[in-house]
Amino acid sequence: MSPFSVQSIFDRKDLASSFPSAMLQELQQTGLITNEHEFFAGLQTVGESVLPQLALSESELRNGAKTFSFIASSGETLSLDLHFFSSRDLSDPNVVLYRRFVSERGDLLAIFASTIFRDENGKQGSEIVVVEKNMRRNNLPGFGRAFMDFYNRFNRLLQLDYEYIRAAWLGRKVWTQLGDFQFYQRYSFLVDGKMMSQREVVASNFERFLAHHNIDQSALCYQVEVSEISFSEAKQNNLIQKPADYLRIVNVQGKKISIAPLVDYQVLGQEQALDIGEAFVLSDNRPYETQSISVQFVRSGIPLNSGNVWPPNNHFSDRAMPPWVGVREFVHASV
């Protein structure tokens, strides 16, 4: 059994253009397809020689998809429509699971795509590539939680060892709430020509964020379950290790600061008062005019180039949470 490539389909340029035209048109009409057009245009229907490498049959996967259940506030029941795609090159057999969430009337309400691969160490991994919700429908509160409950069950069915996600814009907060993601060490930053880990850069950016907003660090605390400790103690004990940890940082007196969060590509939301850590996580991370420190996102030392997903040259602000790549591992119960 040849291993899957660790290279993401998202980064490939030599894919067949055979994603069903009807599905592509559906995405365009609902406004769900923007930055990921190249990804979808590069998919082809999966061949029979690829699915067995998941050690699961198509019927097992489809039965697993049927366990999804969600009723919108409008009373509509959503169902999950599962499709399989892959790259053109069967010697590099990534499997793409494309999920359409549709209403009883057949309206497309959300999409979710992920690639499945086996890495150079023989571990089965997944990259969450595309997650989009139809923003014209505002009656889906609770959908994210319902989906993640289902998705975690589905991951157990797939026997994944790990998965990773590129979190940008609003996703910098959302994905911290939906999974225990650590900073993925394959990705790092070039800061003024010096290679730094994601964790190091985020910590440095947070210090500059506090200075920019004239926030006294002694007035901050770090929430731990039902108690809290000082921010300085949290740093000394290396408690701030992953993206979600920044959402635990608040002012001891409950004071908030007002920012306009960066909610999508080049889109700022309405200004709102947020806790200190949350404000940092959602701040506008585009480089600003007077910025003197260069912060560039890289993978294995090479700048990423993913169209509109990152800004030109992947440069970011030095005083906001940059986009991050997170990974979470799964432990399988022994049989």
C-alpha atoms as a PDB file:
ATOM      1  CA  MET A   1       0.000   0.000   0.000  1.00  0.00           C
ATOM      2  CA  SER A   2       1.684   3.193  -1.137  1.00  0.00           C
ATOM      3  CA  PRO A   3       1.509   6.034   1.395  1.00  0.00           C
ATOM      4  CA  PHE A   4      -0.475   9.163   0.799  1.00  0.00           C
ATOM      5  CA  SER A   5       1.565  12.290   0.167  1.00  0.00           C
ATOM      6  CA  VAL A   6       1.901  14.691   3.075  1.00  0.00           C
ATOM      7  CA  GLN A   7       1.554  17.540   0.548  1.00  0.00           C
ATOM      8  CA  SER A   8      -1.828  19.223   0.746  1.00  0.00           C
ATOM      9  CA  ILE A   9      -4.115  19.232  -2.268  1.00  0.00           C
ATOM     10  CA  PHE A  10      -4.622  22.902  -1.452  1.00  0.00           C
ATOM     11  CA  ASP A  11      -1.023  23.595  -2.508  1.00  0.00           C
ATOM     12  CA  ARG A  12      -1.045  21.519  -5.684  1.00  0.00           C
ATOM     13  CA  LYS A  13      -1.080  23.131  -9.130  1.00  0.00           C
ATOM     14  CA  ASP A  14      -1.324  20.044 -11.378  1.00  0.00           C
ATOM     15  CA  LEU A  15      -4.835  18.842 -10.632  1.00  0.00           C
ATOM     16  CA  ALA A  16      -7.499  17.767 -13.081  1.00  0.00           C
ATOM     17  CA  SER A  17     -10.362  20.221 -13.575  1.00  0.00           C
ATOM     18  CA  SER A  18     -13.312  17.876 -13.231  1.00  0.00           C
ATOM     19  CA  PHE A  19     -15.198  19.067 -10.151  1.00  0.00           C
ATOM     20  CA  PRO A  20     -18.859  18.773 -11.240  1.00  0.00           C
ATOM     21  CA  SER A  21     -19.905  21.991 -12.978  1.00  0.00           C
ATOM     22  CA  ALA A  22     -23.319  21.895 -11.292  1.00  0.00           C
ATOM     23  CA  MET A  23     -21.666  21.897  -7.857  1.00  0.00           C
ATOM     24  CA  LEU A  24     -19.300  24.691  -8.877  1.00  0.00           C
ATOM     25  CA  GLN A  25     -22.253  26.766 -10.096  1.00  0.00           C
ATOM     26  CA  GLU A  26     -24.099  26.052  -6.845  1.00  0.00           C
ATOM     27  CA  LEU A  27     -21.147  27.375  -4.825  1.00  0.00           C
ATOM     28  CA  GLN A  28     -20.915  30.518  -6.937  1.00  0.00           C
ATOM     29  CA  GLN A  29     -24.645  31.230  -6.734  1.00  0.00           C
ATOM     30  CA  THR A  30     -24.751  30.892  -2.953  1.00  0.00           C
ATOM     31  CA  GLY A  31     -21.605  32.987  -2.492  1.00  0.00           C
ATOM     32  CA  LEU A  32     -19.854  30.134  -0.682  1.00  0.00           C
ATOM     33  CA  ILE A  33     -16.935  29.989  -3.079  1.00  0.00           C
ATOM     34  CA  THR A  34     -14.384  32.798  -2.980  1.00  0.00           C
ATOM     35  CA  ASN A  35     -10.726  32.174  -2.205  1.00  0.00           C
ATOM     36  CA  GLU A  36     -10.918  28.409  -2.694  1.00  0.00           C
ATOM     37  CA  HIS A  37     -11.958  28.441  -6.376  1.00  0.00           C
ATOM     38  CA  GLU A  38      -8.669  26.877  -7.470  1.00  0.00           C
ATOM     39  CA  PHE A  39      -9.055  24.124  -4.904  1.00  0.00           C
ATOM     40  CA  PHE A  40     -12.494  23.084  -6.161  1.00  0.00           C
ATOM     41  CA  ALA A  41     -11.585  23.423  -9.821  1.00  0.00           C
ATOM     42  CA  GLY A  42      -8.720  21.002  -9.219  1.00  0.00           C
ATOM     43  CA  LEU A  43     -10.701  18.031  -7.942  1.00  0.00           C
ATOM     44  CA  GLN A  44     -11.787  14.911  -9.764  1.00  0.00           C
ATOM     45  CA  THR A  45     -14.120  12.081  -8.851  1.00  0.00           C
ATOM     46  CA  VAL A  46     -12.319   9.541  -6.729  1.00  0.00           C
ATOM     47  CA  GLY A  47     -11.319   6.204  -8.250  1.00  0.00           C
ATOM     48  CA  GLU A  48     -11.998   2.812  -6.731  1.00  0.00           C
ATOM     49  CA  SER A  49      -8.258   2.314  -6.171  1.00  0.00           C
ATOM     50  CA  VAL A  50      -8.131   5.154  -3.629  1.00  0.00           C
ATOM     51  CA  LEU A  51     -10.979   4.570  -1.173  1.00  0.00           C
ATOM     52  CA  PRO A  52      -9.703   1.160   0.054  1.00  0.00           C
ATOM     53  CA  GLN A  53      -6.632   2.929   1.403  1.00  0.00           C
ATOM     54  CA  LEU A  54      -8.902   4.452   4.035  1.00  0.00           C
ATOM     55  CA  ALA A  55      -9.623   0.876   5.194  1.00  0.00           C
ATOM     56  CA  LEU A  56     -13.317   1.751   4.932  1.00  0.00           C
ATOM     57  CA  SER A  57     -15.925   1.072   2.297  1.00  0.00           C
ATOM     58  CA  GLU A  58     -18.010   3.781   0.663  1.00  0.00           C
ATOM     59  CA  SER A  59     -21.123   2.428   2.377  1.00  0.00           C
ATOM     60  CA  GLU A  60     -19.438   2.652   5.804  1.00  0.00           C
ATOM     61  CA  LEU A  61     -18.527   6.280   5.173  1.00  0.00           C
ATOM     62  CA  ARG A  62     -22.009   7.150   3.921  1.00  0.00           C
ATOM     63  CA  ASN A  63     -23.631   5.433   6.900  1.00  0.00           C
ATOM     64  CA  GLY A  64     -21.358   7.447   9.167  1.00  0.00           C
ATOM     65  CA  ALA A  65     -22.448  10.657   7.422  1.00  0.00           C
ATOM     66  CA  LYS A  66     -26.102   9.809   8.092  1.00  0.00           C
ATOM     67  CA  THR A  67     -25.535  10.194  11.832  1.00  0.00           C
ATOM     68  CA  PHE A  68     -25.410  13.996  11.424  1.00  0.00           C
ATOM     69  CA  SER A  69     -28.548  15.685  12.758  1.00  0.00           C
ATOM     70  CA  PHE A  70     -29.423  19.359  13.111  1.00  0.00           C
ATOM     71  CA  ILE A  71     -32.686  21.297  13.205  1.00  0.00           C
ATOM     72  CA  ALA A  72     -32.423  25.005  12.348  1.00  0.00           C
ATOM     73  CA  SER A  73     -34.358  27.663  14.262  1.00  0.00           C
ATOM     74  CA  SER A  74     -36.655  27.849  11.238  1.00  0.00           C
ATOM     75  CA  GLY A  75     -37.652  24.250  11.926  1.00  0.00           C
ATOM     76  CA  GLU A  76     -35.809  22.892   8.893  1.00  0.00           C
ATOM     77  CA  THR A  77     -33.882  19.665   9.274  1.00  0.00           C
ATOM     78  CA  LEU A  78     -30.399  19.716   7.765  1.00  0.00           C
ATOM     79  CA  SER A  79     -28.864  16.636   6.218  1.00  0.00           C
ATOM     80  CA  LEU A  80     -25.317  15.854   5.123  1.00  0.00           C
ATOM     81  CA  ASP A  81     -24.534  14.929   1.508  1.00  0.00           C
ATOM     82  CA  LEU A  82     -21.099  13.261   1.258  1.00  0.00           C
ATOM     83  CA  HIS A  83     -18.962  13.197  -1.925  1.00  0.00           C
ATOM     84  CA  PHE A  84     -15.515  11.748  -2.626  1.00  0.00           C
ATOM     85  CA  PHE A  85     -12.811  13.341  -4.759  1.00  0.00           C
ATOM     86  CA  SER A  86      -9.074  12.982  -5.256  1.00  0.00           C
ATOM     87  CA  SER A  87      -6.068  14.291  -7.136  1.00  0.00           C
ATOM     88  CA  ARG A  88      -5.462  13.183 -10.717  1.00  0.00           C
ATOM     89  CA  ASP A  89      -2.226  11.370  -9.905  1.00  0.00           C
ATOM     90  CA  LEU A  90      -3.076   7.999  -8.331  1.00  0.00           C
ATOM     91  CA  SER A  91       0.530   7.624  -7.182  1.00  0.00           C
ATOM     92  CA  ASP A  92      -0.256  10.571  -4.900  1.00  0.00           C
ATOM     93  CA  PRO A  93      -3.724   9.469  -3.739  1.00  0.00           C
ATOM     94  CA  ASN A  94      -5.046  12.116  -1.407  1.00  0.00           C
ATOM     95  CA  VAL A  95      -8.731  11.560  -0.709  1.00  0.00           C
ATOM     96  CA  VAL A  96     -10.962  14.611  -0.438  1.00  0.00           C
ATOM     97  CA  LEU A  97     -14.173  14.323   1.561  1.00  0.00           C
ATOM     98  CA  TYR A  98     -16.594  17.028   0.439  1.00  0.00           C
ATOM     99  CA  ARG A  99     -19.645  17.540   2.647  1.00  0.00           C
ATOM    100  CA  ARG A 100     -22.729  19.510   1.582  1.00  0.00           C
ATOM    101  CA  PHE A 101     -25.179  20.504   4.308  1.00  0.00           C
ATOM    102  CA  VAL A 102     -28.594  20.952   2.737  1.00  0.00           C
ATOM    103  CA  SER A 103     -32.083  21.841   3.947  1.00  0.00           C
ATOM    104  CA  GLU A 104     -35.196  19.767   3.336  1.00  0.00           C
ATOM    105  CA  ARG A 105     -35.873  21.966   0.299  1.00  0.00           C
ATOM    106  CA  GLY A 106     -32.428  21.236  -1.104  1.00  0.00           C
ATOM    107  CA  ASP A 107     -30.879  24.644  -0.288  1.00  0.00           C
ATOM    108  CA  LEU A 108     -27.122  24.566   0.278  1.00  0.00           C
ATOM    109  CA  LEU A 109     -26.454  25.953   3.748  1.00  0.00           C
ATOM    110  CA  ALA A 110     -22.824  25.052   4.416  1.00  0.00           C
ATOM    111  CA  ILE A 111     -19.876  23.138   2.990  1.00  0.00           C
ATOM    112  CA  PHE A 112     -16.882  21.407   4.544  1.00  0.00           C
ATOM    113  CA  ALA A 113     -13.949  19.828   2.706  1.00  0.00           C
ATOM    114  CA  SER A 114     -10.933  17.999   4.059  1.00  0.00           C
ATOM    115  CA  THR A 115      -8.098  15.987   2.561  1.00  0.00           C
ATOM    116  CA  ILE A 116      -7.042  12.619   3.961  1.00  0.00           C
ATOM    117  CA  PHE A 117      -3.455  11.438   3.497  1.00  0.00           C
ATOM    118  CA  ARG A 118      -0.871   9.119   4.986  1.00  0.00           C
ATOM    119  CA  ASP A 119       2.353  10.875   5.900  1.00  0.00           C
ATOM    120  CA  GLU A 120       5.984   9.804   5.637  1.00  0.00           C
ATOM    121  CA  ASN A 121       5.737   8.194   9.101  1.00  0.00           C
ATOM    122  CA  GLY A 122       2.758   6.051   8.121  1.00  0.00           C
ATOM    123  CA  LYS A 123       0.288   8.114  10.146  1.00  0.00           C
ATOM    124  CA  GLN A 124      -3.095   8.985   8.703  1.00  0.00           C
ATOM    125  CA  GLY A 125      -3.699  12.719   8.737  1.00  0.00           C
ATOM    126  CA  SER A 126      -6.256  15.201   7.538  1.00  0.00           C
ATOM    127  CA  GLU A 127      -6.188  18.844   6.566  1.00  0.00           C
ATOM    128  CA  ILE A 128      -9.358  20.871   7.045  1.00  0.00           C
ATOM    129  CA  VAL A 129      -9.322  22.873   3.817  1.00  0.00           C
ATOM    130  CA  VAL A 130     -12.632  24.644   3.293  1.00  0.00           C
ATOM    131  CA  VAL A 131     -15.347  25.571   5.793  1.00  0.00           C
ATOM    132  CA  GLU A 132     -18.039  27.968   4.612  1.00  0.00           C
ATOM    133  CA  LYS A 133     -21.522  28.831   5.871  1.00  0.00           C
ATOM    134  CA  ASN A 134     -24.180  30.487   3.737  1.00  0.00           C
ATOM    135  CA  MET A 135     -24.151  33.984   5.253  1.00  0.00           C
ATOM    136  CA  ARG A 136     -27.515  34.741   3.641  1.00  0.00           C
ATOM    137  CA  ARG A 137     -29.058  32.377   6.163  1.00  0.00           C
ATOM    138  CA  ASN A 138     -28.892  33.625   9.761  1.00  0.00           C
ATOM    139  CA  ASN A 139     -31.039  30.919  11.332  1.00  0.00           C
ATOM    140  CA  LEU A 140     -28.261  28.424  12.023  1.00  0.00           C
ATOM    141  CA  PRO A 141     -27.232  29.150  15.627  1.00  0.00           C
ATOM    142  CA  GLY A 142     -25.725  26.030  17.166  1.00  0.00           C
ATOM    143  CA  PHE A 143     -24.791  24.552  13.794  1.00  0.00           C
ATOM    144  CA  GLY A 144     -21.042  24.757  14.493  1.00  0.00           C
ATOM    145  CA  ARG A 145     -21.311  22.825  17.736  1.00  0.00           C
ATOM    146  CA  ALA A 146     -23.632  20.204  16.202  1.00  0.00           C
ATOM    147  CA  PHE A 147     -21.249  19.788  13.303  1.00  0.00           C
ATOM    148  CA  MET A 148     -18.163  19.385  15.481  1.00  0.00           C
ATOM    149  CA  ASP A 149     -19.902  16.782  17.656  1.00  0.00           C
ATOM    150  CA  PHE A 150     -20.659  14.820  14.495  1.00  0.00           C
ATOM    151  CA  TYR A 151     -17.235  15.506  13.001  1.00  0.00           C
ATOM    152  CA  ASN A 152     -15.407  14.140  16.040  1.00  0.00           C
ATOM    153  CA  ARG A 153     -17.442  10.927  15.773  1.00  0.00           C
ATOM    154  CA  PHE A 154     -16.676  10.738  12.058  1.00  0.00           C
ATOM    155  CA  ASN A 155     -12.946  11.184  12.724  1.00  0.00           C
ATOM    156  CA  ARG A 156     -13.025   8.162  15.010  1.00  0.00           C
ATOM    157  CA  LEU A 157     -14.569   6.214  12.133  1.00  0.00           C
ATOM    158  CA  LEU A 158     -11.727   7.351   9.847  1.00  0.00           C
ATOM    159  CA  GLN A 159      -9.118   6.354  12.458  1.00  0.00           C
ATOM    160  CA  LEU A 160      -7.225   9.617  11.955  1.00  0.00           C
ATOM    161  CA  ASP A 161      -4.001  10.062  13.870  1.00  0.00           C
ATOM    162  CA  TYR A 162      -4.053  13.859  13.536  1.00  0.00           C
ATOM    163  CA  GLU A 163      -5.540  16.743  11.590  1.00  0.00           C
ATOM    164  CA  TYR A 164      -4.592  20.345  11.022  1.00  0.00           C
ATOM    165  CA  ILE A 165      -6.312  23.599  10.131  1.00  0.00           C
ATOM    166  CA  ARG A 166      -5.222  27.005   8.836  1.00  0.00           C
ATOM    167  CA  ALA A 167      -7.110  29.502  10.974  1.00  0.00           C
ATOM    168  CA  ALA A 168      -7.540  33.011   9.617  1.00  0.00           C
ATOM    169  CA  TRP A 169      -9.817  35.969  10.309  1.00  0.00           C
ATOM    170  CA  LEU A 170     -12.756  34.949  12.550  1.00  0.00           C
ATOM    171  CA  GLY A 171     -11.458  31.378  12.474  1.00  0.00           C
ATOM    172  CA  ARG A 172      -8.602  32.445  14.759  1.00  0.00           C
ATOM    173  CA  LYS A 173     -11.178  32.346  17.564  1.00  0.00           C
ATOM    174  CA  VAL A 174     -13.717  29.831  16.246  1.00  0.00           C
ATOM    175  CA  TRP A 175     -11.290  26.947  15.844  1.00  0.00           C
ATOM    176  CA  THR A 176      -9.940  27.377  19.376  1.00  0.00           C
ATOM    177  CA  GLN A 177     -13.457  26.680  20.628  1.00  0.00           C
ATOM    178  CA  LEU A 178     -14.117  23.688  18.383  1.00  0.00           C
ATOM    179  CA  GLY A 179     -10.952  21.682  18.894  1.00  0.00           C
ATOM    180  CA  ASP A 180      -7.854  21.365  21.064  1.00  0.00           C
ATOM    181  CA  PHE A 181      -5.439  22.697  18.451  1.00  0.00           C
ATOM    182  CA  GLN A 182      -1.753  23.216  19.210  1.00  0.00           C
ATOM    183  CA  PHE A 183       0.547  25.342  17.053  1.00  0.00           C
ATOM    184  CA  TYR A 184       1.743  23.083  14.210  1.00  0.00           C
ATOM    185  CA  GLN A 185       5.554  22.987  14.173  1.00  0.00           C
ATOM    186  CA  ARG A 186       5.778  22.496  10.389  1.00  0.00           C
ATOM    187  CA  TYR A 187       4.796  26.155  10.078  1.00  0.00           C
ATOM    188  CA  SER A 188       6.708  29.135  11.390  1.00  0.00           C
ATOM    189  CA  PHE A 189       7.471  32.798  10.727  1.00  0.00           C
ATOM    190  CA  LEU A 190      10.338  34.848   9.385  1.00  0.00           C
ATOM    191  CA  VAL A 191      10.642  37.906  11.617  1.00  0.00           C
ATOM    192  CA  ASP A 192      13.148  40.384  10.233  1.00  0.00           C
ATOM    193  CA  GLY A 193      14.894  37.450   8.574  1.00  0.00           C
ATOM    194  CA  LYS A 194      15.002  35.312  11.739  1.00  0.00           C
ATOM    195  CA  MET A 195      13.064  32.037  11.868  1.00  0.00           C
ATOM    196  CA  MET A 196      10.666  31.898  14.829  1.00  0.00           C
ATOM    197  CA  SER A 197       8.026  29.412  15.889  1.00  0.00           C
ATOM    198  CA  GLN A 198       4.344  30.291  15.733  1.00  0.00           C
ATOM    199  CA  ARG A 199       4.162  30.269  19.531  1.00  0.00           C
ATOM    200  CA  GLU A 200       7.085  32.683  19.849  1.00  0.00           C
ATOM    201  CA  VAL A 201       5.672  35.112  17.296  1.00  0.00           C
ATOM    202  CA  VAL A 202       2.191  35.129  18.795  1.00  0.00           C
ATOM    203  CA  ALA A 203       3.646  35.790  22.269  1.00  0.00           C
ATOM    204  CA  SER A 204       5.779  38.661  20.954  1.00  0.00           C
ATOM    205  CA  ASN A 205       2.853  40.128  19.039  1.00  0.00           C
ATOM    206  CA  PHE A 206       0.719  40.004  22.174  1.00  0.00           C
ATOM    207  CA  GLU A 207       3.331  41.987  24.116  1.00  0.00           C
ATOM    208  CA  ARG A 208       3.305  44.657  21.390  1.00  0.00           C
ATOM    209  CA  PHE A 209      -0.509  44.594  21.304  1.00  0.00           C
ATOM    210  CA  LEU A 210      -0.592  45.379  25.032  1.00  0.00           C
ATOM    211  CA  ALA A 211       1.942  48.186  24.629  1.00  0.00           C
ATOM    212  CA  HIS A 212       0.054  49.665  21.669  1.00  0.00           C
ATOM    213  CA  HIS A 213      -3.174  49.806  23.694  1.00  0.00           C
ATOM    214  CA  ASN A 214      -1.404  51.023  26.870  1.00  0.00           C
ATOM    215  CA  ILE A 215      -2.504  47.967  28.824  1.00  0.00           C
ATOM    216  CA  ASP A 216      -0.680  47.333  32.096  1.00  0.00           C
ATOM    217  CA  GLN A 217       0.279  43.647  32.280  1.00  0.00           C
ATOM    218  CA  SER A 218      -0.114  43.679  36.075  1.00  0.00           C
ATOM    219  CA  ALA A 219      -3.829  44.321  35.527  1.00  0.00           C
ATOM    220  CA  LEU A 220      -4.240  41.063  33.614  1.00  0.00           C
ATOM    221  CA  CYS A 221      -5.104  37.593  34.808  1.00  0.00           C
ATOM    222  CA  TYR A 222      -5.238  34.159  33.232  1.00  0.00           C
ATOM    223  CA  GLN A 223      -8.416  32.159  33.812  1.00  0.00           C
ATOM    224  CA  VAL A 224      -7.947  28.526  34.809  1.00  0.00           C
ATOM    225  CA  GLU A 225     -11.265  26.670  34.988  1.00  0.00           C
ATOM    226  CA  VAL A 226     -13.123  28.293  37.924  1.00  0.00           C
ATOM    227  CA  SER A 227     -10.118  30.214  39.273  1.00  0.00           C
ATOM    228  CA  GLU A 228      -7.566  32.657  37.905  1.00  0.00           C
ATOM    229  CA  ILE A 229      -3.895  33.497  38.303  1.00  0.00           C
ATOM    230  CA  SER A 230      -1.883  36.561  37.359  1.00  0.00           C
ATOM    231  CA  PHE A 231      -0.746  36.942  33.770  1.00  0.00           C
ATOM    232  CA  SER A 232       2.906  37.102  34.873  1.00  0.00           C
ATOM    233  CA  GLU A 233       2.545  33.813  36.760  1.00  0.00           C
ATOM    234  CA  ALA A 234       0.943  32.198  33.714  1.00  0.00           C
ATOM    235  CA  LYS A 235       3.936  33.270  31.612  1.00  0.00           C
ATOM    236  CA  GLN A 236       6.464  32.082  34.188  1.00  0.00           C
ATOM    237  CA  ASN A 237       4.810  28.652  34.323  1.00  0.00           C
ATOM    238  CA  ASN A 238       4.561  28.417  30.507  1.00  0.00           C
ATOM    239  CA  LEU A 239       0.794  28.009  30.629  1.00  0.00           C
ATOM    240  CA  ILE A 240       0.221  30.021  27.450  1.00  0.00           C
ATOM    241  CA  GLN A 241       1.100  27.408  24.853  1.00  0.00           C
ATOM    242  CA  LYS A 242      -1.705  27.229  22.270  1.00  0.00           C
ATOM    243  CA  PRO A 243      -4.113  29.573  20.469  1.00  0.00           C
ATOM    244  CA  ALA A 244      -7.015  28.956  22.862  1.00  0.00           C
ATOM    245  CA  ASP A 245      -4.930  30.092  25.847  1.00  0.00           C
ATOM    246  CA  TYR A 246      -5.071  33.724  24.722  1.00  0.00           C
ATOM    247  CA  LEU A 247      -8.841  33.735  25.138  1.00  0.00           C
ATOM    248  CA  ARG A 248      -8.270  33.098  28.857  1.00  0.00           C
ATOM    249  CA  ILE A 249      -6.483  36.439  29.346  1.00  0.00           C
ATOM    250  CA  VAL A 250      -8.732  39.127  30.822  1.00  0.00           C
ATOM    251  CA  ASN A 251      -8.521  42.302  32.865  1.00  0.00           C
ATOM    252  CA  VAL A 252      -8.808  41.584  36.614  1.00  0.00           C
ATOM    253  CA  GLN A 253     -11.553  44.221  36.907  1.00  0.00           C
ATOM    254  CA  GLY A 254     -13.393  43.051  33.803  1.00  0.00           C
ATOM    255  CA  LYS A 255     -12.365  46.028  31.666  1.00  0.00           C
ATOM    256  CA  LYS A 256     -12.582  45.540  27.916  1.00  0.00           C
ATOM    257  CA  ILE A 257     -11.198  47.325  24.877  1.00  0.00           C
ATOM    258  CA  SER A 258     -13.017  48.196  21.668  1.00  0.00           C
ATOM    259  CA  ILE A 259     -11.762  46.943  18.313  1.00  0.00           C
ATOM    260  CA  ALA A 260     -13.172  46.258  14.846  1.00  0.00           C
ATOM    261  CA  PRO A 261     -12.430  42.526  14.390  1.00  0.00           C
ATOM    262  CA  LEU A 262     -11.051  41.169  11.131  1.00  0.00           C
ATOM    263  CA  VAL A 263     -13.833  38.701  10.288  1.00  0.00           C
ATOM    264  CA  ASP A 264     -12.993  37.759   6.687  1.00  0.00           C
ATOM    265  CA  TYR A 265     -10.526  38.517   3.917  1.00  0.00           C
ATOM    266  CA  GLN A 266     -10.117  42.324   3.941  1.00  0.00           C
ATOM    267  CA  VAL A 267     -13.408  42.626   5.908  1.00  0.00           C
ATOM    268  CA  LEU A 268     -13.655  44.357   9.282  1.00  0.00           C
ATOM    269  CA  GLY A 269     -16.687  43.775  11.484  1.00  0.00           C
ATOM    270  CA  GLN A 270     -18.458  46.351  13.626  1.00  0.00           C
ATOM    271  CA  GLU A 271     -16.472  47.770  16.515  1.00  0.00           C
ATOM    272  CA  GLN A 272     -17.196  45.983  19.784  1.00  0.00           C
ATOM    273  CA  ALA A 273     -15.881  45.803  23.338  1.00  0.00           C
ATOM    274  CA  LEU A 274     -13.998  42.572  23.975  1.00  0.00           C
ATOM    275  CA  ASP A 275     -11.877  41.022  26.711  1.00  0.00           C
ATOM    276  CA  ILE A 276      -8.152  41.662  26.273  1.00  0.00           C
ATOM    277  CA  GLY A 277      -7.172  38.259  24.925  1.00  0.00           C
ATOM    278  CA  GLU A 278     -10.167  37.973  22.619  1.00  0.00           C
ATOM    279  CA  ALA A 279      -9.486  41.462  21.243  1.00  0.00           C
ATOM    280  CA  PHE A 280      -5.923  40.382  20.428  1.00  0.00           C
ATOM    281  CA  VAL A 281      -7.076  37.155  18.766  1.00  0.00           C
ATOM    282  CA  LEU A 282      -9.548  38.977  16.489  1.00  0.00           C
ATOM    283  CA  SER A 283      -7.576  42.175  15.809  1.00  0.00           C
ATOM    284  CA  ASP A 284      -6.812  43.326  12.286  1.00  0.00           C
ATOM    285  CA  ASN A 285      -3.578  41.484  11.465  1.00  0.00           C
ATOM    286  CA  ARG A 286      -2.841  43.165   8.155  1.00  0.00           C
ATOM    287  CA  PRO A 287       0.489  45.044   8.107  1.00  0.00           C
ATOM    288  CA  TYR A 288       0.126  48.727   8.940  1.00  0.00           C
ATOM    289  CA  GLU A 289       1.847  51.721   7.354  1.00  0.00           C
ATOM    290  CA  THR A 290       4.358  52.520  10.107  1.00  0.00           C
ATOM    291  CA  GLN A 291       5.245  48.908  10.892  1.00  0.00           C
ATOM    292  CA  SER A 292       9.004  48.397  11.175  1.00  0.00           C
ATOM    293  CA  ILE A 293       9.100  44.662  12.001  1.00  0.00           C
ATOM    294  CA  SER A 294       8.630  42.208   9.124  1.00  0.00           C
ATOM    295  CA  VAL A 295       6.417  39.212  10.015  1.00  0.00           C
ATOM    296  CA  GLN A 296       6.127  36.625   7.231  1.00  0.00           C
ATOM    297  CA  PHE A 297       4.373  33.238   7.387  1.00  0.00           C
ATOM    298  CA  VAL A 298       6.408  30.279   6.061  1.00  0.00           C
ATOM    299  CA  ARG A 299       6.292  26.486   5.886  1.00  0.00           C
ATOM    300  CA  SER A 300       9.603  24.639   6.167  1.00  0.00           C
ATOM    301  CA  GLY A 301      11.289  27.974   5.536  1.00  0.00           C
ATOM    302  CA  ILE A 302       9.357  28.688   2.305  1.00  0.00           C
ATOM    303  CA  PRO A 303       6.805  31.551   2.144  1.00  0.00           C
ATOM    304  CA  LEU A 304       3.274  30.286   1.573  1.00  0.00           C
ATOM    305  CA  ASN A 305       1.523  31.219  -1.640  1.00  0.00           C
ATOM    306  CA  SER A 306      -2.194  30.470  -1.480  1.00  0.00           C
ATOM    307  CA  GLY A 307      -3.835  33.188  -3.544  1.00  0.00           C
ATOM    308  CA  ASN A 308      -6.103  35.383  -1.467  1.00  0.00           C
ATOM    309  CA  VAL A 309      -5.960  33.235   1.644  1.00  0.00           C
ATOM    310  CA  TRP A 310      -3.032  35.269   2.989  1.00  0.00           C
ATOM    311  CA  PRO A 311      -2.145  38.878   2.103  1.00  0.00           C
ATOM    312  CA  PRO A 312       0.537  39.580  -0.557  1.00  0.00           C
ATOM    313  CA  ASN A 313       3.872  37.987   0.422  1.00  0.00           C
ATOM    314  CA  ASN A 314       2.195  36.621   3.568  1.00  0.00           C
ATOM    315  CA  HIS A 315       3.213  39.622   5.666  1.00  0.00           C
ATOM    316  CA  PHE A 316       1.275  40.407   8.832  1.00  0.00           C
ATOM    317  CA  SER A 317       0.963  42.913  11.618  1.00  0.00           C
ATOM    318  CA  ASP A 318       3.424  42.653  14.499  1.00  0.00           C
ATOM    319  CA  ARG A 319       0.760  43.505  17.110  1.00  0.00           C
ATOM    320  CA  ALA A 320      -2.182  41.189  16.379  1.00  0.00           C
ATOM    321  CA  MET A 321      -2.828  37.457  16.322  1.00  0.00           C
ATOM    322  CA  PRO A 322      -1.585  36.308  12.896  1.00  0.00           C
ATOM    323  CA  PRO A 323      -3.291  33.445  11.084  1.00  0.00           C
ATOM    324  CA  TRP A 324      -2.119  30.223  12.628  1.00  0.00           C
ATOM    325  CA  VAL A 325      -1.864  26.591  11.634  1.00  0.00           C
ATOM    326  CA  GLY A 326      -3.027  24.279  14.392  1.00  0.00           C
ATOM    327  CA  VAL A 327      -2.827  20.533  14.783  1.00  0.00           C
ATOM    328  CA  ARG A 328      -4.634  18.140  17.083  1.00  0.00           C
ATOM    329  CA  GLU A 329      -3.832  14.485  17.647  1.00  0.00           C
ATOM    330  CA  PHE A 330      -6.234  11.608  18.251  1.00  0.00           C
ATOM    331  CA  VAL A 331      -5.715   8.678  20.578  1.00  0.00           C
ATOM    332  CA  HIS A 332      -7.491   5.517  19.487  1.00  0.00           C
ATOM    333  CA  ALA A 333      -8.828   3.081  22.022  1.00  0.00           C
ATOM    334  CA  SER A 334      -7.048  -0.267  21.827  1.00  0.00           C
ATOM    335  CA  VAL A 335      -9.198  -3.140  20.646  1.00  0.00           C
END
